[in-house]
Amino acid sequence: MGNRIDDIVDKMKSTPKSVRFQELEAVCQYYFGKPRQKGSGHCVYKTPWFGDPRVNIQNDHGKAKLYQIKQVLQAIEKMKGK
């Protein structure tokens, strides 16, 4: 994994309120590929499972929403089999 993505994931865990939307979007694209839907401020990513945790992120004036950061972290853990 690239150092930049590692750094962002660490930031998501330690100081989630400071994560910018573009950073969360970069992490999602690294793990889940391009969004299957993008528009109206939302990006929806396809996951290899049905149901939660879903990966649907939203730009909130340049910041990432806290609950969506938590969902993305849960999805990453699920992908890694943790």
Protein backbone atom coordinates (compact mmCIF):
# COMPACT_ATOMS: atom_id res chain seq x y z
CA MET A 1 0.00 0.00 0.00
CA GLY A 2 1.24 3.48 -0.77
CA ASN A 3 2.56 5.65 2.02
CA ARG A 4 0.01 8.36 1.24
CA ILE A 5 -2.93 5.97 1.64
CA ASP A 6 -1.41 4.54 4.85
CA ASP A 7 -1.04 8.06 6.21
CA ILE A 8 -4.65 8.94 5.41
CA VAL A 9 -5.96 5.71 6.99
CA ASP A 10 -3.92 6.46 10.11
CA LYS A 11 -5.39 9.96 10.16
CA MET A 12 -8.90 8.50 9.75
CA LYS A 13 -8.30 6.40 12.86
CA SER A 14 -6.57 9.00 15.03
CA THR A 15 -8.21 12.30 14.08
CA PRO A 16 -11.27 11.54 11.93
CA LYS A 17 -12.70 15.04 12.27
CA SER A 18 -9.75 16.46 10.32
CA VAL A 19 -10.17 14.20 7.26
CA ARG A 20 -10.95 16.03 4.04
CA PHE A 21 -13.38 14.60 1.51
CA GLN A 22 -10.65 14.29 -1.14
CA GLU A 23 -8.57 12.18 1.24
CA LEU A 24 -11.48 9.84 1.97
CA GLU A 25 -12.23 9.62 -1.74
CA ALA A 26 -8.59 8.65 -2.45
CA VAL A 27 -8.75 5.85 0.15
CA CYS A 28 -12.05 4.57 -1.25
CA GLN A 29 -10.71 4.51 -4.80
CA TYR A 30 -7.59 2.68 -3.65
CA TYR A 31 -9.60 -0.07 -1.91
CA PHE A 32 -12.84 -0.18 -3.93
CA GLY A 33 -11.99 1.24 -7.36
CA LYS A 34 -13.91 3.95 -9.14
CA PRO A 35 -17.33 4.81 -7.73
CA ARG A 36 -20.25 3.05 -9.40
CA GLN A 37 -22.26 6.21 -8.88
CA LYS A 38 -21.01 9.76 -8.56
CA GLY A 39 -23.14 12.84 -8.48
CA SER A 40 -25.21 15.10 -6.27
CA GLY A 41 -22.32 15.23 -3.81
CA HIS A 42 -22.33 11.46 -3.19
CA CYS A 43 -19.90 8.77 -4.32
CA VAL A 44 -21.12 5.17 -4.01
CA TYR A 45 -18.53 2.40 -4.20
CA LYS A 46 -19.14 -1.26 -4.97
CA THR A 47 -18.11 -3.76 -2.31
CA PRO A 48 -17.69 -7.52 -2.77
CA TRP A 49 -20.47 -8.19 -0.21
CA PHE A 50 -24.14 -7.38 0.09
CA GLY A 51 -25.28 -4.98 2.80
CA ASP A 52 -23.31 -3.22 5.50
CA PRO A 53 -20.84 -1.75 5.78
CA ARG A 54 -21.77 0.25 2.72
CA VAL A 55 -19.32 2.66 1.15
CA ASN A 56 -21.26 5.80 0.31
CA ILE A 57 -19.41 9.03 0.95
CA GLN A 58 -20.55 12.62 0.74
CA ASN A 59 -18.73 15.93 0.40
CA ASP A 60 -19.63 18.19 3.32
CA HIS A 61 -18.07 21.54 2.33
CA GLY A 62 -14.72 19.87 1.66
CA LYS A 63 -14.79 17.68 4.78
CA ALA A 64 -15.68 14.02 5.15
CA LYS A 65 -18.59 13.04 7.39
CA LEU A 66 -17.55 11.30 10.58
CA TYR A 67 -20.01 8.39 10.34
CA GLN A 68 -18.93 7.74 6.75
CA ILE A 69 -15.27 7.63 7.80
CA LYS A 70 -16.20 4.95 10.34
CA GLN A 71 -18.10 2.98 7.68
CA VAL A 72 -15.12 3.11 5.32
CA LEU A 73 -12.77 1.91 8.09
CA GLN A 74 -15.18 -0.98 8.83
CA ALA A 75 -15.31 -1.87 5.13
CA ILE A 76 -11.50 -1.86 4.88
CA GLU A 77 -11.28 -4.17 7.90
CA LYS A 78 -13.88 -6.48 6.37
CA MET A 79 -11.93 -6.58 3.09
CA LYS A 80 -8.76 -7.47 4.98
CA GLY A 81 -10.65 -10.25 6.79
CA LYS A 82 -10.33 -8.77 10.28
